[in-house]
C-alpha atoms as a PDB file:
ATOM      1  CA  UNK A   1       0.000   0.011   0.000  1.00  0.00           C
ATOM      2  CA  UNK A   2       1.425   3.359  -1.022  1.00  0.00           C
ATOM      3  CA  UNK A   3       2.076   6.016   1.573  1.00  0.00           C
ATOM      4  CA  UNK A   4       2.466   8.770  -1.054  1.00  0.00           C
ATOM      5  CA  UNK A   5       0.803  12.002   0.027  1.00  0.00           C
ATOM      6  CA  UNK A   6      -1.417  14.028  -2.257  1.00  0.00           C
ATOM      7  CA  UNK A   7       1.345  16.623  -2.598  1.00  0.00           C
ATOM      8  CA  UNK A   8       3.859  13.938  -3.575  1.00  0.00           C
ATOM      9  CA  UNK A   9       1.438  12.411  -6.081  1.00  0.00           C
ATOM     10  CA  UNK A  10       0.789  15.734  -7.814  1.00  0.00           C
ATOM     11  CA  UNK A  11       4.464  16.690  -7.664  1.00  0.00           C
ATOM     12  CA  UNK A  12       5.162  13.485  -9.590  1.00  0.00           C
ATOM     13  CA  UNK A  13       2.464  14.397 -12.136  1.00  0.00           C
ATOM     14  CA  UNK A  14       3.568  18.010 -12.582  1.00  0.00           C
ATOM     15  CA  UNK A  15       6.114  17.458 -15.336  1.00  0.00           C
ATOM     16  CA  UNK A  16       3.562  15.817 -17.659  1.00  0.00           C
ATOM     17  CA  UNK A  17       0.416  17.575 -16.450  1.00  0.00           C
ATOM     18  CA  UNK A  18       0.192  20.093 -19.289  1.00  0.00           C
ATOM     19  CA  UNK A  19       0.320  17.349 -21.924  1.00  0.00           C
ATOM     20  CA  UNK A  20      -3.431  16.851 -21.392  1.00  0.00           C
ATOM     21  CA  UNK A  21      -5.197  19.296 -23.751  1.00  0.00           C
ATOM     22  CA  UNK A  22      -7.532  20.654 -21.078  1.00  0.00           C
ATOM     23  CA  UNK A  23      -4.661  21.033 -18.558  1.00  0.00           C
ATOM     24  CA  UNK A  24      -2.022  22.877 -20.565  1.00  0.00           C
ATOM     25  CA  UNK A  25      -4.413  24.580 -22.983  1.00  0.00           C
ATOM     26  CA  UNK A  26      -1.623  24.406 -25.556  1.00  0.00           C
ATOM     27  CA  UNK A  27      -4.020  23.789 -28.424  1.00  0.00           C
ATOM     28  CA  UNK A  28      -5.430  27.186 -29.476  1.00  0.00           C
ATOM     29  CA  UNK A  29      -8.855  25.672 -30.131  1.00  0.00           C
ATOM     30  CA  UNK A  30      -9.068  24.096 -26.662  1.00  0.00           C
ATOM     31  CA  UNK A  31      -7.749  27.286 -25.062  1.00  0.00           C
ATOM     32  CA  UNK A  32     -10.324  29.379 -26.897  1.00  0.00           C
ATOM     33  CA  UNK A  33     -13.062  27.008 -25.738  1.00  0.00           C
ATOM     34  CA  UNK A  34     -12.053  27.401 -22.089  1.00  0.00           C
ATOM     35  CA  UNK A  35     -11.845  31.174 -22.478  1.00  0.00           C
ATOM     36  CA  UNK A  36     -15.272  31.150 -24.071  1.00  0.00           C
ATOM     37  CA  UNK A  37     -16.647  29.111 -21.172  1.00  0.00           C
ATOM     38  CA  UNK A  38     -15.051  30.806 -18.190  1.00  0.00           C
ATOM     39  CA  UNK A  39     -14.645  34.457 -19.075  1.00  0.00           C
ATOM     40  CA  UNK A  40     -18.389  35.138 -19.449  1.00  0.00           C
ATOM     41  CA  UNK A  41     -18.922  33.593 -15.977  1.00  0.00           C
ATOM     42  CA  UNK A  42     -16.660  36.197 -14.364  1.00  0.00           C
ATOM     43  CA  UNK A  43     -17.667  39.650 -13.132  1.00  0.00           C
ATOM     44  CA  UNK A  44     -16.220  42.642 -14.987  1.00  0.00           C
ATOM     45  CA  UNK A  45     -12.478  42.920 -14.591  1.00  0.00           C
ATOM     46  CA  UNK A  46     -10.595  43.571 -12.479  1.00  0.00           C
ATOM     47  CA  UNK A  47     -12.315  41.067 -10.207  1.00  0.00           C
ATOM     48  CA  UNK A  48     -10.517  39.291  -7.395  1.00  0.00           C
ATOM     49  CA  UNK A  49     -10.470  35.625  -8.433  1.00  0.00           C
ATOM     50  CA  UNK A  50      -8.974  32.687  -6.543  1.00  0.00           C
ATOM     51  CA  UNK A  51      -8.172  29.518  -8.487  1.00  0.00           C
ATOM     52  CA  UNK A  52      -8.164  26.748  -5.889  1.00  0.00           C
ATOM     53  CA  UNK A  53      -6.301  23.661  -7.053  1.00  0.00           C
ATOM     54  CA  UNK A  54      -4.681  25.850  -9.693  1.00  0.00           C
ATOM     55  CA  UNK A  55      -2.290  23.161 -10.936  1.00  0.00           C
ATOM     56  CA  UNK A  56       0.128  24.614 -13.468  1.00  0.00           C
ATOM     57  CA  UNK A  57      -1.843  27.844 -13.716  1.00  0.00           C
ATOM     58  CA  UNK A  58      -3.482  27.559 -17.129  1.00  0.00           C
ATOM     59  CA  UNK A  59      -6.855  28.902 -15.982  1.00  0.00           C
ATOM     60  CA  UNK A  60      -5.162  31.517 -13.778  1.00  0.00           C
ATOM     61  CA  UNK A  61      -3.345  32.777 -16.862  1.00  0.00           C
ATOM     62  CA  UNK A  62      -6.570  32.996 -18.894  1.00  0.00           C
ATOM     63  CA  UNK A  63      -8.075  35.168 -16.179  1.00  0.00           C
ATOM     64  CA  UNK A  64      -4.988  37.337 -15.689  1.00  0.00           C
ATOM     65  CA  UNK A  65      -4.858  38.037 -19.414  1.00  0.00           C
ATOM     66  CA  UNK A  66      -8.207  39.835 -19.275  1.00  0.00           C
ATOM     67  CA  UNK A  67      -7.297  41.932 -16.259  1.00  0.00           C
ATOM     68  CA  UNK A  68      -8.528  39.945 -13.266  1.00  0.00           C
ATOM     69  CA  UNK A  69      -6.500  39.982 -10.061  1.00  0.00           C
ATOM     70  CA  UNK A  70      -5.695  36.304  -9.681  1.00  0.00           C
ATOM     71  CA  UNK A  71      -4.595  34.269  -6.682  1.00  0.00           C
ATOM     72  CA  UNK A  72      -3.966  30.540  -6.865  1.00  0.00           C
ATOM     73  CA  UNK A  73      -3.462  27.679  -4.453  1.00  0.00           C
ATOM     74  CA  UNK A  74      -2.287  24.122  -4.998  1.00  0.00           C
ATOM     75  CA  UNK A  75      -1.092  21.385  -2.687  1.00  0.00           C
ATOM     76  CA  UNK A  76       1.813  20.548  -5.013  1.00  0.00           C
ATOM     77  CA  UNK A  77       4.947  22.730  -4.773  1.00  0.00           C
ATOM     78  CA  UNK A  78       6.009  21.516  -8.222  1.00  0.00           C
ATOM     79  CA  UNK A  79       2.667  22.541  -9.751  1.00  0.00           C
ATOM     80  CA  UNK A  80       2.836  25.977  -8.105  1.00  0.00           C
ATOM     81  CA  UNK A  81       6.394  26.488  -9.359  1.00  0.00           C
ATOM     82  CA  UNK A  82       5.245  25.745 -12.896  1.00  0.00           C
ATOM     83  CA  UNK A  83       2.265  28.066 -12.504  1.00  0.00           C
ATOM     84  CA  UNK A  84       4.511  30.857 -11.268  1.00  0.00           C
ATOM     85  CA  UNK A  85       6.824  30.317 -14.209  1.00  0.00           C
ATOM     86  CA  UNK A  86       3.889  30.245 -16.669  1.00  0.00           C
ATOM     87  CA  UNK A  87       2.346  33.506 -15.471  1.00  0.00           C
ATOM     88  CA  UNK A  88       5.640  35.363 -15.004  1.00  0.00           C
ATOM     89  CA  UNK A  89       6.788  34.179 -18.436  1.00  0.00           C
ATOM     90  CA  UNK A  90       3.679  35.725 -19.949  1.00  0.00           C
ATOM     91  CA  UNK A  91       4.246  38.978 -18.055  1.00  0.00           C
ATOM     92  CA  UNK A  92       1.557  38.651 -15.389  1.00  0.00           C
ATOM     93  CA  UNK A  93       1.711  38.854 -11.615  1.00  0.00           C
ATOM     94  CA  UNK A  94      -0.351  36.550  -9.447  1.00  0.00           C
ATOM     95  CA  UNK A  95      -0.276  35.392  -5.859  1.00  0.00           C
ATOM     96  CA  UNK A  96       0.348  31.645  -6.221  1.00  0.00           C
ATOM     97  CA  UNK A  97       0.735  29.694  -2.987  1.00  0.00           C
ATOM     98  CA  UNK A  98       1.320  26.147  -1.845  1.00  0.00           C
ATOM     99  CA  UNK A  99      -1.471  24.980   0.409  1.00  0.00           C
ATOM    100  CA  UNK A 100      -4.505  22.794   0.955  1.00  0.00           C
ATOM    101  CA  UNK A 101      -7.661  23.826  -0.887  1.00  0.00           C
ATOM    102  CA  UNK A 102      -9.682  22.486   2.040  1.00  0.00           C
ATOM    103  CA  UNK A 103      -8.197  25.208   4.266  1.00  0.00           C
ATOM    104  CA  UNK A 104      -7.333  28.227   2.099  1.00  0.00           C
ATOM    105  CA  UNK A 105      -5.166  30.822   3.866  1.00  0.00           C
ATOM    106  CA  UNK A 106      -6.974  34.033   2.893  1.00  0.00           C
ATOM    107  CA  UNK A 107      -9.258  36.161   5.042  1.00  0.00           C
ATOM    108  CA  UNK A 108     -13.041  35.919   4.732  1.00  0.00           C
ATOM    109  CA  UNK A 109     -14.495  38.066   1.970  1.00  0.00           C
ATOM    110  CA  UNK A 110     -11.219  38.284   0.031  1.00  0.00           C
ATOM    111  CA  UNK A 111     -12.537  37.332  -3.413  1.00  0.00           C
ATOM    112  CA  UNK A 112     -15.268  38.065  -5.918  1.00  0.00           C
ATOM    113  CA  UNK A 113     -14.962  34.587  -7.455  1.00  0.00           C
ATOM    114  CA  UNK A 114     -13.888  31.187  -6.168  1.00  0.00           C
ATOM    115  CA  UNK A 115     -12.983  28.986  -9.155  1.00  0.00           C
ATOM    116  CA  UNK A 116     -12.152  25.293  -8.958  1.00  0.00           C
ATOM    117  CA  UNK A 117     -11.704  22.645 -11.617  1.00  0.00           C
ATOM    118  CA  UNK A 118     -11.915  18.992 -10.593  1.00  0.00           C
ATOM    119  CA  UNK A 119     -11.144  19.772  -6.955  1.00  0.00           C
ATOM    120  CA  UNK A 120     -14.336  19.432  -4.907  1.00  0.00           C
ATOM    121  CA  UNK A 121     -14.684  15.710  -5.538  1.00  0.00           C
ATOM    122  CA  UNK A 122     -11.119  15.149  -4.223  1.00  0.00           C
ATOM    123  CA  UNK A 123     -11.764  16.810  -0.870  1.00  0.00           C
ATOM    124  CA  UNK A 124     -11.978  14.465   2.133  1.00  0.00           C
ATOM    125  CA  UNK A 125     -15.023  16.471   3.319  1.00  0.00           C
ATOM    126  CA  UNK A 126     -16.551  18.296   0.331  1.00  0.00           C
ATOM    127  CA  UNK A 127     -19.144  20.075   2.473  1.00  0.00           C
ATOM    128  CA  UNK A 128     -16.512  21.480   4.822  1.00  0.00           C
ATOM    129  CA  UNK A 129     -14.339  22.531   1.890  1.00  0.00           C
ATOM    130  CA  UNK A 130     -17.285  24.263   0.216  1.00  0.00           C
ATOM    131  CA  UNK A 131     -18.051  26.080   3.465  1.00  0.00           C
ATOM    132  CA  UNK A 132     -14.469  27.366   3.555  1.00  0.00           C
ATOM    133  CA  UNK A 133     -14.675  28.455  -0.075  1.00  0.00           C
ATOM    134  CA  UNK A 134     -17.929  30.343   0.432  1.00  0.00           C
ATOM    135  CA  UNK A 135     -16.343  32.099   3.393  1.00  0.00           C
ATOM    136  CA  UNK A 136     -13.721  33.526   1.005  1.00  0.00           C
ATOM    137  CA  UNK A 137     -16.394  35.285  -1.046  1.00  0.00           C
ATOM    138  CA  UNK A 138     -17.211  38.942  -0.768  1.00  0.00           C
ATOM    139  CA  UNK A 139     -20.896  39.884  -0.768  1.00  0.00           C
ATOM    140  CA  UNK A 140     -22.455  38.922  -4.139  1.00  0.00           C
ATOM    141  CA  UNK A 141     -19.419  36.771  -4.839  1.00  0.00           C
ATOM    142  CA  UNK A 142     -19.774  33.752  -7.078  1.00  0.00           C
ATOM    143  CA  UNK A 143     -18.733  30.120  -7.054  1.00  0.00           C
ATOM    144  CA  UNK A 144     -17.616  28.561 -10.331  1.00  0.00           C
ATOM    145  CA  UNK A 145     -17.128  24.795  -9.843  1.00  0.00           C
ATOM    146  CA  UNK A 146     -16.027  22.665 -12.803  1.00  0.00           C
ATOM    147  CA  UNK A 147     -16.546  19.051 -11.830  1.00  0.00           C
ATOM    148  CA  UNK A 148     -17.326  15.640 -13.248  1.00  0.00           C
ATOM    149  CA  UNK A 149     -18.310  12.052 -12.636  1.00  0.00           C
ATOM    150  CA  UNK A 150     -15.903  10.027 -14.711  1.00  0.00           C
ATOM    151  CA  UNK A 151     -16.490   6.712 -16.429  1.00  0.00           C
ATOM    152  CA  UNK A 152     -14.093   5.190 -13.862  1.00  0.00           C
ATOM    153  CA  UNK A 153     -16.634   5.918 -11.112  1.00  0.00           C
ATOM    154  CA  UNK A 154     -14.577   8.713  -9.539  1.00  0.00           C
ATOM    155  CA  UNK A 155     -15.913  12.217  -9.123  1.00  0.00           C
ATOM    156  CA  UNK A 156     -19.299  13.750  -8.326  1.00  0.00           C
ATOM    157  CA  UNK A 157     -22.452  14.051 -10.385  1.00  0.00           C
ATOM    158  CA  UNK A 158     -24.008  17.398 -11.240  1.00  0.00           C
ATOM    159  CA  UNK A 159     -26.893  16.550  -8.930  1.00  0.00           C
ATOM    160  CA  UNK A 160     -24.512  15.853  -6.040  1.00  0.00           C
ATOM    161  CA  UNK A 161     -22.588  19.094  -6.535  1.00  0.00           C
ATOM    162  CA  UNK A 162     -25.668  21.262  -7.010  1.00  0.00           C
ATOM    163  CA  UNK A 163     -27.346  19.707  -3.949  1.00  0.00           C
ATOM    164  CA  UNK A 164     -24.211  20.425  -1.923  1.00  0.00           C
ATOM    165  CA  UNK A 165     -24.091  24.038  -3.085  1.00  0.00           C
ATOM    166  CA  UNK A 166     -27.801  24.494  -2.323  1.00  0.00           C
ATOM    167  CA  UNK A 167     -27.151  23.610   1.318  1.00  0.00           C
ATOM    168  CA  UNK A 168     -25.330  26.920   1.540  1.00  0.00           C
ATOM    169  CA  UNK A 169     -26.616  29.111  -1.293  1.00  0.00           C
ATOM    170  CA  UNK A 170     -29.945  29.812  -2.991  1.00  0.00           C
ATOM    171  CA  UNK A 171     -28.680  29.258  -6.523  1.00  0.00           C
ATOM    172  CA  UNK A 172     -26.791  26.495  -8.321  1.00  0.00           C
ATOM    173  CA  UNK A 173     -26.942  26.697 -12.119  1.00  0.00           C
ATOM    174  CA  UNK A 174     -25.616  23.597 -13.924  1.00  0.00           C
ATOM    175  CA  UNK A 175     -24.221  23.656 -17.449  1.00  0.00           C
ATOM    176  CA  UNK A 176     -23.166  20.401 -19.118  1.00  0.00           C
ATOM    177  CA  UNK A 177     -19.649  20.453 -20.583  1.00  0.00           C
ATOM    178  CA  UNK A 178     -19.876  17.683 -23.179  1.00  0.00           C
ATOM    179  CA  UNK A 179     -18.295  19.544 -26.074  1.00  0.00           C
ATOM    180  CA  UNK A 180     -15.196  17.585 -27.121  1.00  0.00           C
ATOM    181  CA  UNK A 181     -13.338  20.825 -27.941  1.00  0.00           C
ATOM    182  CA  UNK A 182     -13.071  21.612 -24.213  1.00  0.00           C
ATOM    183  CA  UNK A 183     -11.233  18.365 -23.546  1.00  0.00           C
ATOM    184  CA  UNK A 184      -9.344  17.846 -26.779  1.00  0.00           C
ATOM    185  CA  UNK A 185     -11.267  14.627 -27.459  1.00  0.00           C
ATOM    186  CA  UNK A 186     -14.748  13.147 -27.130  1.00  0.00           C
ATOM    187  CA  UNK A 187     -15.685  12.205 -23.568  1.00  0.00           C
ATOM    188  CA  UNK A 188     -17.770   9.379 -22.185  1.00  0.00           C
ATOM    189  CA  UNK A 189     -18.549  10.717 -18.768  1.00  0.00           C
ATOM    190  CA  UNK A 190     -20.450  13.526 -17.040  1.00  0.00           C
ATOM    191  CA  UNK A 191     -18.653  16.881 -16.956  1.00  0.00           C
ATOM    192  CA  UNK A 192     -20.247  20.166 -15.990  1.00  0.00           C
ATOM    193  CA  UNK A 193     -19.882  23.541 -14.329  1.00  0.00           C
ATOM    194  CA  UNK A 194     -21.981  24.701 -11.399  1.00  0.00           C
ATOM    195  CA  UNK A 195     -22.261  28.468 -10.936  1.00  0.00           C
ATOM    196  CA  UNK A 196     -23.725  30.092  -7.844  1.00  0.00           C
ATOM    197  CA  UNK A 197     -23.981  33.865  -7.623  1.00  0.00           C
ATOM    198  CA  UNK A 198     -26.003  33.966  -4.394  1.00  0.00           C
END
């Protein structure tokens, strides 16, 4: 039985992480699809956006490019180092920290948007993590949660995520993300974004 921590696992994945089309956003078509999905979900720039589980910073970079003030957090030091390099190399500043998304280090009300992609399902206590994330939001702040229930059985369904959000908020709008261009290939599982503005 492996004793590898989550940080060690993702450190080991960091070098190859961006090879996945939806991770590195190296394909202009995939990148444009993610920009087309996420940017309309954001408030007018410059909004304060935190990308929890930011990985190598591809989504953080998309947001910084349009003028948002981006912070990021990831449990993997190697991922954060790559994210810092990616944003600095493109000429953008962002606060990118190593830490646990279940216990983010910022003060309550620090952000206009909490963004996560494939993070909630990995939390040991998703409800507690979501509570912490909501606490980060300023009044009228919004949650943008990209999640999925994969063909392997891992993940969370849209119903599970929206039900969880509705324990804390009055709104949880689900949009299915089944367009192959977002992922660089056709998918055979359930992928979606849940947005809650109140």
